[in-house]
Amino acid sequence: MIISIFDSLRFEKSYIEKANNRRHELRFLKPELSEQTASLAQGSDVALIFVNDKADDKILKTLHEVGVRYIALRSAGFNNVDLEAAHELGMKVANVPEYSPHAVAEHTVALMLGLNRKLIRAHNRIRDLNFSLDGLIGFDMYGKTAGVVGTGKIGAEVAKLLHGFGCKVLCYDIRENASLVKAISPEYVALEELFSRSDIITLHAPLNKHTYHMVDEKAVGQFKKGVMLINTSRGGLIKTEAVINGLKQGVIGYLGLDVYEEEEGLFFHDHSEQILQDDMLARLLVFQNVLITSHQAFLTDTALRNISDTTFENINAWADGKSAPNEIKPAPES
C-alpha cells in the first residue's frame, strides 16, 4: 500500500520507518492535512494523519477522489475526523487508542510541580546569578484536593499519582472506573462539585460536543480562588478567553497547558522567526503563573514506539483484507 503521512515530524520518522519494516511505500509530507493539501495524497491508499490534521466532509471527499480509502490516525483522539462522512464514502478509519498513559500522566504532574514550585522562574534567576528566594513560595501537594475530570486510562494514572502525593482525589466521569475505585477509592462527584472543591483541577476528557468549552465563564465562576488548572487532553475543553479573565481576577492561580484550542498550524513547528499572530496565546504568555508546552505530553520513546507499532497493525490488517483492530465507526443515533 502507498501511505501519505501528513504533518510528518522529524522526531517520529525513524519510529514509523521501523514499524513499517519496508512493507509499504511511505510518503512523508510536511504540511498538515487541509483543503489545500488533501490532493497531495494523489495515488495513495492510506492517509496517515496526526492530531491537528483536518478530515472533515469536504477533505475526505477530496481524499477519496484521489484514491485514498483508509484514514489511519497516529493518535488516540479522533475528533478531527468526520466519521459519518467517512462511513458514507466507504472509507475505514482507525486510531491508536492507547500508547502510553504513563507518559501523559507524568507530564501532567510535571506541569503541576513546575508551576507550584516555580521551577522555570527559579532556573532563569539562577542563570542570572540571582539566588533570591523571594516570589518562589509554593505549597505542599500533600493534603490538597485534586479533581480529575475524565478517568479513562490517562486520567486514572493521574489520579493514582496524585493519590501517591497524599492528595484527596475527586473524580468526574459519565461512568466510574472500577479498577481505579479498587486501587485508590477516589470520591466521584458531579462536575460542579469537583470545580468548587478542588485546589487542583486536571482535564482528561475527550473532545466532543458535550465537552467543548467545559471550562467556560460559568465553570471559572465555580472555582476556588487560586485554583491550579491543568489541561493535557484537548485544547477545545477550555474557552481561552474565560481562563484569561480568571487569571486576571486571581481566581485561577496557576495554569498549565500542553494543548491549546487554536494550536493548529502553530504547535509542532518552529515559528521563532515570525511575529505571533495569535492574540490569545500572546496574552497567556504574559502571565508568570502560566506554563505552556507544545503538545509534548505523549513524547517519550515508549509512546512513539507504541504509536507507530499500533498504527501499522491497523494498516497491515487493511492490507491483508481484514478489519483493523482499532477501527472506529460512527456512533449510533440516539
C-alpha atoms as a PDB file:
ATOM      1  CA  MET A   1       0.000   0.000   0.000  1.00  0.00           C
ATOM      2  CA  ILE A   2       1.017   3.608  -0.550  1.00  0.00           C
ATOM      3  CA  ILE A   3       0.806   5.756   2.581  1.00  0.00           C
ATOM      4  CA  SER A   4       0.811   9.556   2.634  1.00  0.00           C
ATOM      5  CA  ILE A   5       1.925  10.784   6.055  1.00  0.00           C
ATOM      6  CA  PHE A   6       0.591  14.287   6.684  1.00  0.00           C
ATOM      7  CA  ASP A   7       2.180  16.672   9.184  1.00  0.00           C
ATOM      8  CA  SER A   8       5.185  14.376   9.414  1.00  0.00           C
ATOM      9  CA  LEU A   9       7.587  15.396  12.153  1.00  0.00           C
ATOM     10  CA  ARG A  10      11.305  14.717  12.165  1.00  0.00           C
ATOM     11  CA  PHE A  11      11.371  13.023  15.572  1.00  0.00           C
ATOM     12  CA  GLU A  12       8.819  10.348  14.553  1.00  0.00           C
ATOM     13  CA  LYS A  13      10.251   9.356  11.160  1.00  0.00           C
ATOM     14  CA  SER A  14      12.597   6.624  12.401  1.00  0.00           C
ATOM     15  CA  TYR A  15       9.827   5.049  14.512  1.00  0.00           C
ATOM     16  CA  ILE A  16       7.426   4.991  11.546  1.00  0.00           C
ATOM     17  CA  GLU A  17      10.034   3.510   9.219  1.00  0.00           C
ATOM     18  CA  LYS A  18      10.946   0.799  11.718  1.00  0.00           C
ATOM     19  CA  ALA A  19       7.305  -0.167  12.314  1.00  0.00           C
ATOM     20  CA  ASN A  20       6.654  -0.245   8.564  1.00  0.00           C
ATOM     21  CA  ASN A  21       9.536  -2.695   8.118  1.00  0.00           C
ATOM     22  CA  ARG A  22       9.740  -1.791   4.380  1.00  0.00           C
ATOM     23  CA  ARG A  23       6.351  -3.325   3.676  1.00  0.00           C
ATOM     24  CA  HIS A  24       4.574  -0.213   2.363  1.00  0.00           C
ATOM     25  CA  GLU A  25       5.610   2.808   0.336  1.00  0.00           C
ATOM     26  CA  LEU A  26       5.860   5.810   2.638  1.00  0.00           C
ATOM     27  CA  ARG A  27       5.414   9.410   1.504  1.00  0.00           C
ATOM     28  CA  PHE A  28       6.377  11.862   4.238  1.00  0.00           C
ATOM     29  CA  LEU A  29       4.553  15.176   3.800  1.00  0.00           C
ATOM     30  CA  LYS A  30       5.336  18.238   5.926  1.00  0.00           C
ATOM     31  CA  PRO A  31       2.001  20.081   5.524  1.00  0.00           C
ATOM     32  CA  GLU A  32      -0.969  19.377   7.745  1.00  0.00           C
ATOM     33  CA  LEU A  33      -3.991  17.813   6.047  1.00  0.00           C
ATOM     34  CA  SER A  34      -6.363  20.555   4.889  1.00  0.00           C
ATOM     35  CA  GLU A  35      -8.498  21.513   1.917  1.00  0.00           C
ATOM     36  CA  GLN A  36      -5.386  22.937   0.267  1.00  0.00           C
ATOM     37  CA  THR A  37      -3.167  19.888   0.847  1.00  0.00           C
ATOM     38  CA  ALA A  38      -5.530  16.897   0.528  1.00  0.00           C
ATOM     39  CA  SER A  39      -4.654  16.446  -3.164  1.00  0.00           C
ATOM     40  CA  LEU A  40      -1.041  15.692  -2.157  1.00  0.00           C
ATOM     41  CA  ALA A  41      -2.286  12.176  -1.331  1.00  0.00           C
ATOM     42  CA  GLN A  42      -2.906  11.510  -5.039  1.00  0.00           C
ATOM     43  CA  GLY A  43      -2.474   7.790  -5.726  1.00  0.00           C
ATOM     44  CA  SER A  44      -2.224   6.805  -2.053  1.00  0.00           C
ATOM     45  CA  ASP A  45      -4.256   4.100  -0.349  1.00  0.00           C
ATOM     46  CA  VAL A  46      -3.867   5.465   3.168  1.00  0.00           C
ATOM     47  CA  ALA A  47      -3.771   8.955   4.649  1.00  0.00           C
ATOM     48  CA  LEU A  48      -1.839   8.780   7.918  1.00  0.00           C
ATOM     49  CA  ILE A  49      -2.789  11.825   9.991  1.00  0.00           C
ATOM     50  CA  PHE A  50      -1.997  13.490  13.305  1.00  0.00           C
ATOM     51  CA  VAL A  51      -3.940  15.495  15.899  1.00  0.00           C
ATOM     52  CA  ASN A  52      -4.116  18.820  14.044  1.00  0.00           C
ATOM     53  CA  ASP A  53      -4.884  17.406  10.595  1.00  0.00           C
ATOM     54  CA  LYS A  54      -8.433  18.140   9.461  1.00  0.00           C
ATOM     55  CA  ALA A  55     -10.519  15.379   7.910  1.00  0.00           C
ATOM     56  CA  ASP A  56     -13.942  16.917   7.529  1.00  0.00           C
ATOM     57  CA  ASP A  57     -16.559  16.038   4.916  1.00  0.00           C
ATOM     58  CA  LYS A  58     -15.037  18.141   2.120  1.00  0.00           C
ATOM     59  CA  ILE A  59     -11.472  16.993   2.768  1.00  0.00           C
ATOM     60  CA  LEU A  60     -12.498  13.342   2.957  1.00  0.00           C
ATOM     61  CA  LYS A  61     -14.251  13.678  -0.412  1.00  0.00           C
ATOM     62  CA  THR A  62     -11.053  15.067  -1.928  1.00  0.00           C
ATOM     63  CA  LEU A  63      -9.014  12.242  -0.414  1.00  0.00           C
ATOM     64  CA  HIS A  64     -11.494   9.718  -1.777  1.00  0.00           C
ATOM     65  CA  GLU A  65     -11.313  11.288  -5.235  1.00  0.00           C
ATOM     66  CA  VAL A  66      -7.516  10.926  -5.333  1.00  0.00           C
ATOM     67  CA  GLY A  67      -7.664   7.259  -4.301  1.00  0.00           C
ATOM     68  CA  VAL A  68      -7.468   7.186  -0.508  1.00  0.00           C
ATOM     69  CA  ARG A  69      -9.651   4.510   1.102  1.00  0.00           C
ATOM     70  CA  TYR A  70      -8.224   4.383   4.625  1.00  0.00           C
ATOM     71  CA  ILE A  71      -7.630   7.015   7.312  1.00  0.00           C
ATOM     72  CA  ALA A  72      -5.115   5.986   9.958  1.00  0.00           C
ATOM     73  CA  LEU A  73      -4.666   8.246  12.969  1.00  0.00           C
ATOM     74  CA  ARG A  74      -1.406   8.167  14.844  1.00  0.00           C
ATOM     75  CA  SER A  75      -3.211   9.476  17.917  1.00  0.00           C
ATOM     76  CA  ALA A  76      -5.952   8.442  20.321  1.00  0.00           C
ATOM     77  CA  GLY A  77      -8.260  11.384  19.670  1.00  0.00           C
ATOM     78  CA  PHE A  78     -10.363  11.351  16.519  1.00  0.00           C
ATOM     79  CA  ASN A  79     -12.474  14.495  16.920  1.00  0.00           C
ATOM     80  CA  ASN A  80     -10.768  15.872  13.788  1.00  0.00           C
ATOM     81  CA  VAL A  81     -12.345  13.191  11.565  1.00  0.00           C
ATOM     82  CA  ASP A  82     -15.929  13.272  10.299  1.00  0.00           C
ATOM     83  CA  LEU A  83     -16.748   9.624  10.922  1.00  0.00           C
ATOM     84  CA  GLU A  84     -20.204   9.875   9.330  1.00  0.00           C
ATOM     85  CA  ALA A  85     -18.738  11.271   6.110  1.00  0.00           C
ATOM     86  CA  ALA A  86     -16.018   8.598   6.056  1.00  0.00           C
ATOM     87  CA  HIS A  87     -18.628   5.875   6.523  1.00  0.00           C
ATOM     88  CA  GLU A  88     -20.764   7.231   3.688  1.00  0.00           C
ATOM     89  CA  LEU A  89     -17.711   7.248   1.407  1.00  0.00           C
ATOM     90  CA  GLY A  90     -16.824   3.688   2.366  1.00  0.00           C
ATOM     91  CA  MET A  91     -13.552   4.818   3.953  1.00  0.00           C
ATOM     92  CA  LYS A  92     -12.261   2.984   7.011  1.00  0.00           C
ATOM     93  CA  VAL A  93     -10.826   4.847   9.992  1.00  0.00           C
ATOM     94  CA  ALA A  94      -8.614   3.558  12.807  1.00  0.00           C
ATOM     95  CA  ASN A  95      -6.783   5.186  15.688  1.00  0.00           C
ATOM     96  CA  VAL A  96      -4.238   4.363  18.383  1.00  0.00           C
ATOM     97  CA  PRO A  97      -6.427   4.147  21.488  1.00  0.00           C
ATOM     98  CA  GLU A  98      -3.559   3.567  23.901  1.00  0.00           C
ATOM     99  CA  TYR A  99       0.147   4.226  23.535  1.00  0.00           C
ATOM    100  CA  SER A 100       1.435   5.244  26.968  1.00  0.00           C
ATOM    101  CA  PRO A 101      -0.975   6.676  29.520  1.00  0.00           C
ATOM    102  CA  HIS A 102       2.017   6.928  31.850  1.00  0.00           C
ATOM    103  CA  ALA A 103       3.751   9.415  29.517  1.00  0.00           C
ATOM    104  CA  VAL A 104       0.841  11.869  29.537  1.00  0.00           C
ATOM    105  CA  ALA A 105       0.103  11.341  33.220  1.00  0.00           C
ATOM    106  CA  GLU A 106       3.698  12.005  34.221  1.00  0.00           C
ATOM    107  CA  HIS A 107       3.842  15.167  32.085  1.00  0.00           C
ATOM    108  CA  THR A 108       0.604  16.317  33.703  1.00  0.00           C
ATOM    109  CA  VAL A 109       2.148  16.066  37.154  1.00  0.00           C
ATOM    110  CA  ALA A 110       5.357  17.682  35.864  1.00  0.00           C
ATOM    111  CA  LEU A 111       3.312  20.739  34.878  1.00  0.00           C
ATOM    112  CA  MET A 112       1.785  20.818  38.356  1.00  0.00           C
ATOM    113  CA  LEU A 113       5.165  20.655  40.067  1.00  0.00           C
ATOM    114  CA  GLY A 114       6.770  23.142  37.690  1.00  0.00           C
ATOM    115  CA  LEU A 115       4.014  25.672  38.343  1.00  0.00           C
ATOM    116  CA  ASN A 116       3.759  25.052  42.066  1.00  0.00           C
ATOM    117  CA  ARG A 117       7.499  25.286  42.779  1.00  0.00           C
ATOM    118  CA  LYS A 118       8.046  27.987  40.108  1.00  0.00           C
ATOM    119  CA  LEU A 119      10.862  25.989  38.540  1.00  0.00           C
ATOM    120  CA  ILE A 120      11.100  27.968  35.292  1.00  0.00           C
ATOM    121  CA  ARG A 121      11.316  31.292  37.141  1.00  0.00           C
ATOM    122  CA  ALA A 122      13.856  29.891  39.597  1.00  0.00           C
ATOM    123  CA  HIS A 123      16.016  28.443  36.814  1.00  0.00           C
ATOM    124  CA  ASN A 124      16.029  31.720  34.897  1.00  0.00           C
ATOM    125  CA  ARG A 125      17.082  33.571  38.052  1.00  0.00           C
ATOM    126  CA  ILE A 126      19.988  31.232  38.680  1.00  0.00           C
ATOM    127  CA  ARG A 127      21.232  31.766  35.118  1.00  0.00           C
ATOM    128  CA  ASP A 128      21.400  35.484  36.000  1.00  0.00           C
ATOM    129  CA  LEU A 129      23.201  34.617  39.278  1.00  0.00           C
ATOM    130  CA  ASN A 130      20.147  35.769  41.226  1.00  0.00           C
ATOM    131  CA  PHE A 131      19.831  33.388  44.154  1.00  0.00           C
ATOM    132  CA  SER A 132      16.988  35.207  45.901  1.00  0.00           C
ATOM    133  CA  LEU A 133      14.039  33.110  47.079  1.00  0.00           C
ATOM    134  CA  ASP A 134      11.537  35.969  47.042  1.00  0.00           C
ATOM    135  CA  GLY A 135       8.431  35.154  44.994  1.00  0.00           C
ATOM    136  CA  LEU A 136       9.180  31.419  44.828  1.00  0.00           C
ATOM    137  CA  ILE A 137       6.884  30.161  47.590  1.00  0.00           C
ATOM    138  CA  GLY A 138       4.943  27.043  46.617  1.00  0.00           C
ATOM    139  CA  PHE A 139       2.575  24.753  48.501  1.00  0.00           C
ATOM    140  CA  ASP A 140       2.590  21.162  49.724  1.00  0.00           C
ATOM    141  CA  MET A 141       0.724  18.867  47.354  1.00  0.00           C
ATOM    142  CA  TYR A 142       0.077  16.631  50.357  1.00  0.00           C
ATOM    143  CA  GLY A 143      -3.403  17.177  51.731  1.00  0.00           C
ATOM    144  CA  LYS A 144      -4.673  19.210  48.790  1.00  0.00           C
ATOM    145  CA  THR A 145      -7.892  18.292  46.978  1.00  0.00           C
ATOM    146  CA  ALA A 146      -7.246  17.330  43.366  1.00  0.00           C
ATOM    147  CA  GLY A 147     -10.070  16.993  40.852  1.00  0.00           C
ATOM    148  CA  VAL A 148      -9.596  14.662  37.891  1.00  0.00           C
ATOM    149  CA  VAL A 149     -12.048  15.250  35.035  1.00  0.00           C
ATOM    150  CA  GLY A 150     -12.205  12.068  32.972  1.00  0.00           C
ATOM    151  CA  THR A 151     -10.975   8.767  34.406  1.00  0.00           C
ATOM    152  CA  GLY A 152     -10.051   6.780  31.336  1.00  0.00           C
ATOM    153  CA  LYS A 153      -6.587   5.270  31.131  1.00  0.00           C
ATOM    154  CA  ILE A 154      -4.721   8.597  31.367  1.00  0.00           C
ATOM    155  CA  GLY A 155      -6.976  10.222  33.936  1.00  0.00           C
ATOM    156  CA  ALA A 156      -6.811   7.101  36.098  1.00  0.00           C
ATOM    157  CA  GLU A 157      -2.997   7.165  36.043  1.00  0.00           C
ATOM    158  CA  VAL A 158      -3.010  10.840  37.029  1.00  0.00           C
ATOM    159  CA  ALA A 159      -5.411  10.085  39.877  1.00  0.00           C
ATOM    160  CA  LYS A 160      -3.078   7.356  41.154  1.00  0.00           C
ATOM    161  CA  LEU A 161      -0.060   9.668  41.028  1.00  0.00           C
ATOM    162  CA  LEU A 162      -1.925  12.397  42.895  1.00  0.00           C
ATOM    163  CA  HIS A 163      -3.076   9.840  45.463  1.00  0.00           C
ATOM    164  CA  GLY A 164       0.601   8.962  45.902  1.00  0.00           C
ATOM    165  CA  PHE A 165       1.350  12.594  46.739  1.00  0.00           C
ATOM    166  CA  GLY A 166      -1.232  12.390  49.506  1.00  0.00           C
ATOM    167  CA  CYS A 167      -3.917  14.400  47.736  1.00  0.00           C
ATOM    168  CA  LYS A 168      -7.603  13.851  48.345  1.00  0.00           C
ATOM    169  CA  VAL A 169      -8.761  12.781  44.870  1.00  0.00           C
ATOM    170  CA  LEU A 170     -12.138  13.784  43.443  1.00  0.00           C
ATOM    171  CA  CYS A 171     -13.204  12.363  40.081  1.00  0.00           C
ATOM    172  CA  TYR A 172     -15.843  13.122  37.494  1.00  0.00           C
ATOM    173  CA  ASP A 173     -16.839  10.903  34.578  1.00  0.00           C
ATOM    174  CA  ILE A 174     -20.012   9.647  32.955  1.00  0.00           C
ATOM    175  CA  ARG A 175     -19.141   6.250  34.412  1.00  0.00           C
ATOM    176  CA  GLU A 176     -16.881   5.198  37.253  1.00  0.00           C
ATOM    177  CA  ASN A 177     -13.605   3.412  36.563  1.00  0.00           C
ATOM    178  CA  ALA A 178     -13.973   0.218  38.597  1.00  0.00           C
ATOM    179  CA  SER A 179     -10.255  -0.594  38.641  1.00  0.00           C
ATOM    180  CA  LEU A 180      -9.440   2.940  39.826  1.00  0.00           C
ATOM    181  CA  VAL A 181     -12.040   2.707  42.578  1.00  0.00           C
ATOM    182  CA  LYS A 182     -10.495  -0.572  43.692  1.00  0.00           C
ATOM    183  CA  ALA A 183      -6.969   0.894  43.600  1.00  0.00           C
ATOM    184  CA  ILE A 184      -7.376   4.200  45.450  1.00  0.00           C
ATOM    185  CA  SER A 185     -11.095   4.664  46.297  1.00  0.00           C
ATOM    186  CA  PRO A 186     -11.457   8.217  44.918  1.00  0.00           C
ATOM    187  CA  GLU A 187     -14.662  10.187  45.501  1.00  0.00           C
ATOM    188  CA  TYR A 188     -16.777  10.510  42.347  1.00  0.00           C
ATOM    189  CA  VAL A 189     -18.773  13.744  42.365  1.00  0.00           C
ATOM    190  CA  ALA A 190     -20.731  15.967  39.989  1.00  0.00           C
ATOM    191  CA  LEU A 191     -18.621  18.239  37.786  1.00  0.00           C
ATOM    192  CA  GLU A 192     -19.849  21.407  39.524  1.00  0.00           C
ATOM    193  CA  GLU A 193     -18.862  19.975  42.914  1.00  0.00           C
ATOM    194  CA  LEU A 194     -15.447  18.975  41.622  1.00  0.00           C
ATOM    195  CA  PHE A 195     -14.893  22.506  40.315  1.00  0.00           C
ATOM    196  CA  SER A 196     -15.928  24.124  43.600  1.00  0.00           C
ATOM    197  CA  ARG A 197     -13.968  21.835  45.950  1.00  0.00           C
ATOM    198  CA  SER A 198     -10.686  21.272  44.112  1.00  0.00           C
ATOM    199  CA  ASP A 199      -7.380  23.036  44.739  1.00  0.00           C
ATOM    200  CA  ILE A 200      -6.045  21.399  41.568  1.00  0.00           C
ATOM    201  CA  ILE A 201      -8.155  20.572  38.502  1.00  0.00           C
ATOM    202  CA  THR A 202      -6.768  18.432  35.700  1.00  0.00           C
ATOM    203  CA  LEU A 203      -8.639  17.696  32.468  1.00  0.00           C
ATOM    204  CA  HIS A 204      -8.535  14.276  30.772  1.00  0.00           C
ATOM    205  CA  ALA A 205     -11.829  14.160  28.878  1.00  0.00           C
ATOM    206  CA  PRO A 206     -12.201  13.546  25.123  1.00  0.00           C
ATOM    207  CA  LEU A 207     -13.266  16.495  22.991  1.00  0.00           C
ATOM    208  CA  ASN A 208     -16.801  16.245  21.678  1.00  0.00           C
ATOM    209  CA  LYS A 209     -19.964  18.327  21.530  1.00  0.00           C
ATOM    210  CA  HIS A 210     -20.631  17.641  25.208  1.00  0.00           C
ATOM    211  CA  THR A 211     -17.164  18.585  26.487  1.00  0.00           C
ATOM    212  CA  TYR A 212     -16.330  21.502  24.163  1.00  0.00           C
ATOM    213  CA  HIS A 213     -15.564  24.549  26.348  1.00  0.00           C
ATOM    214  CA  MET A 214     -16.463  22.637  29.502  1.00  0.00           C
ATOM    215  CA  VAL A 215     -14.272  25.206  31.233  1.00  0.00           C
ATOM    216  CA  ASP A 216     -16.073  28.456  30.371  1.00  0.00           C
ATOM    217  CA  GLU A 217     -17.116  31.569  32.308  1.00  0.00           C
ATOM    218  CA  LYS A 218     -19.662  29.598  34.324  1.00  0.00           C
ATOM    219  CA  ALA A 219     -17.111  26.956  35.295  1.00  0.00           C
ATOM    220  CA  VAL A 220     -14.477  29.549  36.238  1.00  0.00           C
ATOM    221  CA  GLY A 221     -17.094  31.170  38.453  1.00  0.00           C
ATOM    222  CA  GLN A 222     -17.361  27.889  40.379  1.00  0.00           C
ATOM    223  CA  PHE A 223     -13.602  27.539  41.008  1.00  0.00           C
ATOM    224  CA  LYS A 224     -11.938  28.057  44.363  1.00  0.00           C
ATOM    225  CA  LYS A 225      -9.829  31.224  44.393  1.00  0.00           C
ATOM    226  CA  GLY A 226      -6.236  30.421  43.414  1.00  0.00           C
ATOM    227  CA  VAL A 227      -7.025  27.046  41.834  1.00  0.00           C
ATOM    228  CA  MET A 228      -4.467  25.283  39.649  1.00  0.00           C
ATOM    229  CA  LEU A 229      -5.897  24.274  36.246  1.00  0.00           C
ATOM    230  CA  ILE A 230      -4.091  21.750  34.021  1.00  0.00           C
ATOM    231  CA  ASN A 231      -5.049  20.594  30.519  1.00  0.00           C
ATOM    232  CA  THR A 232      -3.096  17.850  28.739  1.00  0.00           C
ATOM    233  CA  SER A 233      -6.088  16.473  26.840  1.00  0.00           C
ATOM    234  CA  ARG A 234      -7.564  18.655  24.069  1.00  0.00           C
ATOM    235  CA  GLY A 235      -7.392  22.420  23.752  1.00  0.00           C
ATOM    236  CA  GLY A 236     -11.087  22.794  22.980  1.00  0.00           C
ATOM    237  CA  LEU A 237     -12.031  21.727  26.507  1.00  0.00           C
ATOM    238  CA  ILE A 238     -11.084  25.231  27.635  1.00  0.00           C
ATOM    239  CA  LYS A 239     -12.545  28.532  26.489  1.00  0.00           C
ATOM    240  CA  THR A 240      -9.336  30.532  26.439  1.00  0.00           C
ATOM    241  CA  GLU A 241     -10.900  33.947  26.975  1.00  0.00           C
ATOM    242  CA  ALA A 242     -12.706  32.743  30.101  1.00  0.00           C
ATOM    243  CA  VAL A 243      -9.476  31.356  31.534  1.00  0.00           C
ATOM    244  CA  ILE A 244      -7.574  34.572  30.790  1.00  0.00           C
ATOM    245  CA  ASN A 245     -10.216  36.526  32.688  1.00  0.00           C
ATOM    246  CA  GLY A 246      -9.919  34.012  35.531  1.00  0.00           C
ATOM    247  CA  LEU A 247      -6.159  34.609  35.640  1.00  0.00           C
ATOM    248  CA  LYS A 248      -6.617  38.378  35.666  1.00  0.00           C
ATOM    249  CA  GLN A 249      -9.113  38.147  38.524  1.00  0.00           C
ATOM    250  CA  GLY A 250      -6.885  35.822  40.547  1.00  0.00           C
ATOM    251  CA  VAL A 251      -9.462  33.021  40.519  1.00  0.00           C
ATOM    252  CA  ILE A 252      -7.023  30.838  38.572  1.00  0.00           C
ATOM    253  CA  GLY A 253      -3.726  30.941  40.431  1.00  0.00           C
ATOM    254  CA  TYR A 254      -1.843  28.567  38.139  1.00  0.00           C
ATOM    255  CA  LEU A 255      -2.442  27.410  34.557  1.00  0.00           C
ATOM    256  CA  GLY A 256      -0.607  24.549  32.873  1.00  0.00           C
ATOM    257  CA  LEU A 257      -1.364  23.760  29.224  1.00  0.00           C
ATOM    258  CA  ASP A 258       0.062  21.155  26.899  1.00  0.00           C
ATOM    259  CA  VAL A 259      -2.765  21.804  24.434  1.00  0.00           C
ATOM    260  CA  TYR A 260      -4.426  24.958  23.125  1.00  0.00           C
ATOM    261  CA  GLU A 261      -7.696  25.366  21.261  1.00  0.00           C
ATOM    262  CA  GLU A 262      -6.036  27.316  18.412  1.00  0.00           C
ATOM    263  CA  GLU A 263      -2.881  25.212  18.228  1.00  0.00           C
ATOM    264  CA  GLU A 264      -3.499  24.025  14.660  1.00  0.00           C
ATOM    265  CA  GLY A 265      -0.764  25.353  12.396  1.00  0.00           C
ATOM    266  CA  LEU A 266       1.183  26.602  15.412  1.00  0.00           C
ATOM    267  CA  PHE A 267       2.213  23.725  17.645  1.00  0.00           C
ATOM    268  CA  PHE A 268       4.852  21.206  16.472  1.00  0.00           C
ATOM    269  CA  HIS A 269       6.583  23.810  14.273  1.00  0.00           C
ATOM    270  CA  ASP A 270       9.285  26.466  14.674  1.00  0.00           C
ATOM    271  CA  HIS A 271       7.839  29.981  14.402  1.00  0.00           C
ATOM    272  CA  SER A 272      10.710  31.709  16.195  1.00  0.00           C
ATOM    273  CA  GLU A 273      11.490  33.927  13.213  1.00  0.00           C
ATOM    274  CA  GLN A 274       7.873  35.092  12.872  1.00  0.00           C
ATOM    275  CA  ILE A 275       5.577  37.542  14.636  1.00  0.00           C
ATOM    276  CA  LEU A 276       2.995  35.748  16.779  1.00  0.00           C
ATOM    277  CA  GLN A 277      -0.413  36.429  15.272  1.00  0.00           C
ATOM    278  CA  ASP A 278      -2.476  34.719  17.980  1.00  0.00           C
ATOM    279  CA  ASP A 279      -3.557  37.445  20.431  1.00  0.00           C
ATOM    280  CA  MET A 280      -4.986  34.993  22.980  1.00  0.00           C
ATOM    281  CA  LEU A 281      -1.758  32.995  23.172  1.00  0.00           C
ATOM    282  CA  ALA A 282       0.239  36.228  23.364  1.00  0.00           C
ATOM    283  CA  ARG A 283      -1.840  37.265  26.381  1.00  0.00           C
ATOM    284  CA  LEU A 284      -1.306  33.895  28.073  1.00  0.00           C
ATOM    285  CA  LEU A 285       2.462  34.187  27.659  1.00  0.00           C
ATOM    286  CA  VAL A 286       2.469  37.409  29.697  1.00  0.00           C
ATOM    287  CA  PHE A 287       1.415  35.666  32.923  1.00  0.00           C
ATOM    288  CA  GLN A 288       4.203  34.333  35.149  1.00  0.00           C
ATOM    289  CA  ASN A 289       1.827  31.762  36.615  1.00  0.00           C
ATOM    290  CA  VAL A 290       1.198  30.120  33.219  1.00  0.00           C
ATOM    291  CA  LEU A 291       3.285  27.223  31.902  1.00  0.00           C
ATOM    292  CA  ILE A 292       2.726  26.059  28.317  1.00  0.00           C
ATOM    293  CA  THR A 293       4.286  23.149  26.459  1.00  0.00           C
ATOM    294  CA  SER A 294       3.769  22.338  22.792  1.00  0.00           C
ATOM    295  CA  HIS A 295       1.562  19.223  22.919  1.00  0.00           C
ATOM    296  CA  GLN A 296       4.500  17.120  24.084  1.00  0.00           C
ATOM    297  CA  ALA A 297       2.922  15.162  26.927  1.00  0.00           C
ATOM    298  CA  PHE A 298       2.941  11.990  24.817  1.00  0.00           C
ATOM    299  CA  LEU A 299       6.550  12.458  23.725  1.00  0.00           C
ATOM    300  CA  THR A 300       8.502   9.545  25.154  1.00  0.00           C
ATOM    301  CA  ASP A 301      10.413   6.801  23.387  1.00  0.00           C
ATOM    302  CA  THR A 302       7.921   4.227  24.654  1.00  0.00           C
ATOM    303  CA  ALA A 303       4.916   6.169  23.397  1.00  0.00           C
ATOM    304  CA  LEU A 304       6.409   6.873  19.957  1.00  0.00           C
ATOM    305  CA  ARG A 305       7.260   3.210  19.506  1.00  0.00           C
ATOM    306  CA  ASN A 306       3.788   2.097  20.589  1.00  0.00           C
ATOM    307  CA  ILE A 307       2.064   4.666  18.358  1.00  0.00           C
ATOM    308  CA  SER A 308       3.967   3.521  15.289  1.00  0.00           C
ATOM    309  CA  ASP A 309       3.562  -0.186  16.040  1.00  0.00           C
ATOM    310  CA  THR A 310      -0.203   0.116  16.589  1.00  0.00           C
ATOM    311  CA  THR A 311      -0.602   2.318  13.521  1.00  0.00           C
ATOM    312  CA  PHE A 312       0.945  -0.336  11.319  1.00  0.00           C
ATOM    313  CA  GLU A 313      -1.025  -3.123  12.977  1.00  0.00           C
ATOM    314  CA  ASN A 314      -4.090  -1.267  11.694  1.00  0.00           C
ATOM    315  CA  ILE A 315      -2.646  -0.627   8.226  1.00  0.00           C
ATOM    316  CA  ASN A 316      -1.274  -4.163   7.822  1.00  0.00           C
ATOM    317  CA  ALA A 317      -4.679  -5.619   8.682  1.00  0.00           C
ATOM    318  CA  TRP A 318      -6.265  -3.498   5.945  1.00  0.00           C
ATOM    319  CA  ALA A 319      -3.561  -4.566   3.506  1.00  0.00           C
ATOM    320  CA  ASP A 320      -4.371  -8.205   4.314  1.00  0.00           C
ATOM    321  CA  GLY A 321      -8.063  -7.634   3.632  1.00  0.00           C
ATOM    322  CA  LYS A 322      -9.063  -7.720   7.307  1.00  0.00           C
ATOM    323  CA  SER A 323     -10.643  -5.237   9.671  1.00  0.00           C
ATOM    324  CA  ALA A 324      -8.139  -3.164  11.616  1.00  0.00           C
ATOM    325  CA  PRO A 325      -8.045  -3.981  15.345  1.00  0.00           C
ATOM    326  CA  ASN A 326      -8.766  -0.339  16.228  1.00  0.00           C
ATOM    327  CA  GLU A 327     -11.335   0.672  13.625  1.00  0.00           C
ATOM    328  CA  ILE A 328     -13.698   3.476  14.614  1.00  0.00           C
ATOM    329  CA  LYS A 329     -17.272   3.615  13.419  1.00  0.00           C
ATOM    330  CA  PRO A 330     -19.804   6.431  13.730  1.00  0.00           C
ATOM    331  CA  ALA A 331     -21.751   6.418  16.969  1.00  0.00           C
ATOM    332  CA  PRO A 332     -25.281   5.063  16.520  1.00  0.00           C
ATOM    333  CA  GLU A 333     -28.017   7.675  16.504  1.00  0.00           C
ATOM    334  CA  SER A 334     -29.703   8.027  19.890  1.00  0.00           C
END
